[in-house]
Amino acid sequence: MPELFRKEIDHDSLYAVWEITESVGELLGMIRLRPAERELYDSFVAESRQKQWLAYRILIRSLLLPDDYAVEYDETGKPYLAGSRFFISVTHSGNLAAVILSSHGHVGIDIEAVRPKIMRVREKYMHPEELAAIGDPEPYSILTLAWCAKESLYKLYGHRGLDFRENIRLNLPKLPGNGTFSGEIRHSGNIRTYDLRYEQFQGHMLVYVLDSVTSQ
């Protein structure tokens, strides 16, 4: 199993990252799909999508052994484990897939390759105040970190209609390295502040967040 690493966040929360080196056939041989899962899998055309989808399901089941729960989706498309006490979030980028589990509350995780092309879309998801705080020139590593952080908070919150620029704001850290920083979700007249954790490896940025919040 090409699991790069797994880390325990606390006694009830952990996450893991998988490097996808197997063929589709090898991945299919590592998991027994339920009928609904097989139907969904068969709808995927791209081989890369098939691999990513299979990889994070195999990873979920490896983290939960000996238990096995079906991955289902709520009305917003957010995944959950039917009948389990664990909350989950999943992500994939290229040949990497990651999963976070926690029994404390909702979670979010995102992983992205650090690439210069993110500079072209930064104004679509970054508030002008966030860009001003980064300074000029804006390093694409911290812009990737910001994207991962906003995706993680969006996944945790689980409500459609959040605007990344206006509803999700970040107090970004100074790179490089690994660490923590804070972010806010501003929605429906409330402000919720979260601690986000990040790390960098193999040219990727990973951010995750647990649902310990302070409402203002």
Protein backbone atom coordinates (compact mmCIF):
# COMPACT_ATOMS: atom_id res chain seq x y z
CA MET A 1 0.00 0.00 0.00
CA PRO A 2 1.68 3.23 -1.12
CA GLU A 3 0.57 5.26 1.86
CA LEU A 4 3.06 8.10 2.13
CA PHE A 5 2.20 8.82 5.73
CA ARG A 6 -0.57 9.04 8.30
CA LYS A 7 -0.59 11.40 11.26
CA GLU A 8 -2.63 11.43 14.42
CA ILE A 9 -3.93 14.92 15.15
CA ASP A 10 -5.43 13.91 18.50
CA HIS A 11 -6.94 10.75 20.00
CA ASP A 12 -10.02 11.02 17.78
CA SER A 13 -8.68 12.61 14.60
CA LEU A 14 -6.14 11.62 11.96
CA TYR A 15 -5.28 12.09 8.32
CA ALA A 16 -3.30 10.22 5.70
CA VAL A 17 -1.86 10.75 2.23
CA TRP A 18 -1.60 8.14 -0.51
CA GLU A 19 0.68 8.25 -3.55
CA ILE A 20 -1.10 6.61 -6.47
CA THR A 21 1.37 4.33 -8.26
CA GLU A 22 -1.00 1.46 -9.10
CA SER A 23 -2.94 0.77 -12.27
CA VAL A 24 -6.73 0.92 -12.24
CA GLY A 25 -6.83 -2.87 -12.22
CA GLU A 26 -4.53 -3.07 -9.21
CA LEU A 27 -6.64 -0.57 -7.30
CA LEU A 28 -9.84 -2.45 -8.13
CA GLY A 29 -8.23 -5.58 -6.75
CA MET A 30 -7.70 -3.86 -3.40
CA ILE A 31 -11.33 -3.00 -2.69
CA ARG A 32 -14.78 -4.54 -2.96
CA LEU A 33 -17.21 -1.96 -4.27
CA ARG A 34 -20.83 -1.88 -3.16
CA PRO A 35 -23.41 -1.80 -5.99
CA ALA A 36 -23.98 1.96 -5.63
CA GLU A 37 -20.23 2.56 -5.56
CA ARG A 38 -19.72 0.45 -8.65
CA GLU A 39 -22.42 2.40 -10.48
CA LEU A 40 -20.74 5.68 -9.61
CA TYR A 41 -17.31 4.36 -10.52
CA ASP A 42 -18.58 3.19 -13.91
CA SER A 43 -19.70 6.75 -14.69
CA PHE A 44 -16.11 8.01 -14.66
CA VAL A 45 -14.47 8.25 -18.07
CA ALA A 46 -10.99 9.56 -17.26
CA GLU A 47 -8.51 7.02 -15.89
CA SER A 48 -7.03 9.65 -13.58
CA ARG A 49 -10.46 10.21 -11.99
CA GLN A 50 -10.96 6.47 -11.55
CA LYS A 51 -7.61 6.14 -9.81
CA GLN A 52 -8.16 9.10 -7.48
CA TRP A 53 -11.66 7.94 -6.53
CA LEU A 54 -10.52 4.38 -5.83
CA ALA A 55 -7.43 5.52 -3.92
CA TYR A 56 -9.22 7.63 -1.36
CA ARG A 57 -11.83 4.95 -0.76
CA ILE A 58 -9.12 2.38 -0.16
CA LEU A 59 -7.41 4.87 2.14
CA ILE A 60 -10.62 5.49 4.11
CA ARG A 61 -11.13 1.79 4.67
CA SER A 62 -7.52 1.25 5.69
CA LEU A 63 -7.88 3.98 8.34
CA LEU A 64 -11.09 2.47 9.70
CA LEU A 65 -10.09 -1.20 9.83
CA PRO A 66 -11.66 -3.48 10.89
CA ASP A 67 -14.79 -1.35 10.38
CA ASP A 68 -16.17 -0.64 6.92
CA TYR A 69 -18.73 2.08 6.19
CA ALA A 70 -20.27 3.20 2.94
CA VAL A 71 -19.25 6.65 1.68
CA GLU A 72 -22.41 8.58 0.89
CA TYR A 73 -23.16 12.22 0.03
CA ASP A 74 -25.52 14.77 1.52
CA GLU A 75 -27.64 17.24 -0.45
CA THR A 76 -24.66 19.59 -0.90
CA GLY A 77 -22.39 16.83 -2.20
CA LYS A 78 -20.43 16.57 1.05
CA PRO A 79 -19.24 13.00 1.75
CA TYR A 80 -20.06 11.19 4.98
CA LEU A 81 -19.69 7.69 6.38
CA ALA A 82 -23.13 6.12 6.75
CA GLY A 83 -23.63 4.76 10.27
CA SER A 84 -20.25 5.93 11.54
CA ARG A 85 -19.35 8.40 14.28
CA PHE A 86 -16.56 9.80 12.11
CA PHE A 87 -16.74 12.91 9.96
CA ILE A 88 -14.64 12.82 6.81
CA SER A 89 -13.20 15.01 4.10
CA VAL A 90 -11.28 13.90 1.02
CA THR A 91 -9.07 15.51 -1.59
CA HIS A 92 -6.84 14.59 -4.51
CA SER A 93 -4.34 16.28 -6.80
CA GLY A 94 -2.48 14.50 -9.55
CA ASN A 95 -1.10 11.26 -8.13
CA LEU A 96 -1.85 12.14 -4.50
CA ALA A 97 -5.02 11.51 -2.50
CA ALA A 98 -5.68 12.44 1.13
CA VAL A 99 -8.35 11.73 3.75
CA ILE A 100 -9.07 13.23 7.17
CA LEU A 101 -11.27 11.59 9.82
CA SER A 102 -12.51 12.94 13.15
CA SER A 103 -15.17 12.06 15.68
CA HIS A 104 -15.10 15.61 17.12
CA GLY A 105 -17.00 17.33 14.33
CA HIS A 106 -16.84 18.42 10.73
CA VAL A 107 -13.48 18.51 8.97
CA GLY A 108 -11.98 19.82 5.76
CA ILE A 109 -8.83 18.96 3.82
CA ASP A 110 -7.34 20.04 0.51
CA ILE A 111 -4.14 19.31 -1.38
CA GLU A 112 -2.84 21.09 -4.48
CA ALA A 113 0.35 21.13 -6.53
CA VAL A 114 2.26 24.41 -6.19
CA ARG A 115 2.32 25.88 -9.69
CA PRO A 116 2.84 29.39 -11.09
CA LYS A 117 -0.46 29.27 -13.04
CA ILE A 118 -2.38 30.03 -9.85
CA MET A 119 -1.22 33.62 -10.26
CA ARG A 120 -3.68 34.00 -13.14
CA VAL A 121 -6.77 33.26 -11.03
CA ARG A 122 -5.82 34.79 -7.68
CA GLU A 123 -8.30 37.67 -7.91
CA LYS A 124 -11.19 35.21 -8.30
CA TYR A 125 -10.78 33.79 -4.78
CA MET A 126 -8.59 36.28 -2.89
CA HIS A 127 -10.02 39.43 -1.30
CA PRO A 128 -8.08 42.62 -2.13
CA GLU A 129 -7.16 42.98 1.55
CA GLU A 130 -5.63 39.49 1.53
CA LEU A 131 -3.59 40.27 -1.57
CA ALA A 132 -2.42 43.53 -0.04
CA ALA A 133 -1.30 41.68 3.09
CA ILE A 134 0.79 39.28 1.02
CA GLY A 135 2.54 42.11 -0.77
CA ASP A 136 4.03 42.42 -4.22
CA PRO A 137 5.22 40.23 -5.81
CA GLU A 138 2.85 37.57 -4.54
CA PRO A 139 4.56 34.17 -4.27
CA TYR A 140 2.52 31.41 -5.88
CA SER A 141 3.29 29.12 -2.95
CA ILE A 142 1.29 31.28 -0.56
CA LEU A 143 -1.48 31.70 -3.14
CA THR A 144 -1.70 27.91 -3.32
CA LEU A 145 -1.82 27.78 0.47
CA ALA A 146 -4.68 30.29 0.43
CA TRP A 147 -6.62 28.25 -2.14
CA CYS A 148 -6.20 25.05 -0.10
CA ALA A 149 -7.26 26.84 3.08
CA LYS A 150 -10.42 28.26 1.52
CA GLU A 151 -11.29 24.89 -0.03
CA SER A 152 -10.81 23.21 3.35
CA LEU A 153 -13.06 25.71 5.12
CA TYR A 154 -15.66 25.41 2.37
CA LYS A 155 -15.67 21.62 2.73
CA LEU A 156 -15.94 21.82 6.51
CA TYR A 157 -18.80 24.33 6.47
CA GLY A 158 -20.85 22.29 4.02
CA HIS A 159 -23.10 25.05 2.66
CA ARG A 160 -23.35 26.02 -0.98
CA GLY A 161 -23.20 29.66 -1.89
CA LEU A 162 -20.10 30.66 0.08
CA ASP A 163 -18.10 33.19 -1.90
CA PHE A 164 -14.37 32.51 -1.52
CA ARG A 165 -13.47 36.21 -1.80
CA GLU A 166 -16.10 37.66 0.50
CA ASN A 167 -17.20 34.90 2.90
CA ILE A 168 -13.86 33.21 3.62
CA ARG A 169 -11.01 35.35 4.91
CA LEU A 170 -7.51 34.29 5.96
CA ASN A 171 -4.71 35.57 8.16
CA LEU A 172 -1.97 34.00 6.09
CA PRO A 173 1.34 32.91 7.61
CA LYS A 174 4.85 33.55 6.44
CA LEU A 175 6.21 30.67 4.39
CA PRO A 176 8.16 28.34 4.08
CA GLY A 177 7.71 25.37 6.37
CA ASN A 178 4.75 23.87 8.14
CA GLY A 179 2.54 25.50 10.73
CA THR A 180 -0.82 26.99 11.67
CA PHE A 181 -2.81 30.10 10.90
CA SER A 182 -6.38 31.32 11.28
CA GLY A 183 -9.25 31.78 8.90
CA GLU A 184 -12.81 33.07 9.15
CA ILE A 185 -16.12 32.13 7.63
CA ARG A 186 -18.39 35.16 7.45
CA HIS A 187 -21.89 34.02 6.63
CA SER A 188 -25.50 34.73 7.65
CA GLY A 189 -24.43 37.52 9.99
CA ASN A 190 -21.93 35.35 11.90
CA ILE A 191 -18.16 35.16 11.96
CA ARG A 192 -16.57 31.83 12.81
CA THR A 193 -12.83 31.63 13.35
CA TYR A 194 -10.88 28.42 12.72
CA ASP A 195 -7.32 27.24 13.18
CA LEU A 196 -5.88 25.79 9.98
CA ARG A 197 -2.79 23.60 9.75
CA TYR A 198 -0.59 23.22 6.72
CA GLU A 199 2.44 21.37 5.43
CA GLN A 200 4.41 21.12 2.21
CA PHE A 201 5.82 17.99 0.56
CA GLN A 202 6.67 16.72 -2.91
CA GLY A 203 5.83 20.07 -4.48
CA HIS A 204 2.35 20.11 -2.94
CA MET A 205 0.56 22.14 -0.30
CA LEU A 206 -1.82 20.42 2.13
CA VAL A 207 -4.19 22.20 4.52
CA TYR A 208 -6.67 20.71 6.98
CA VAL A 209 -9.09 22.09 9.56
CA LEU A 210 -11.15 20.67 12.42
CA ASP A 211 -14.47 22.07 13.61
CA SER A 212 -13.29 23.84 16.76
CA VAL A 213 -14.68 27.34 16.25
CA THR A 214 -15.18 30.64 17.99
CA SER A 215 -18.36 32.47 16.91
CA GLN A 216 -18.34 36.25 17.03
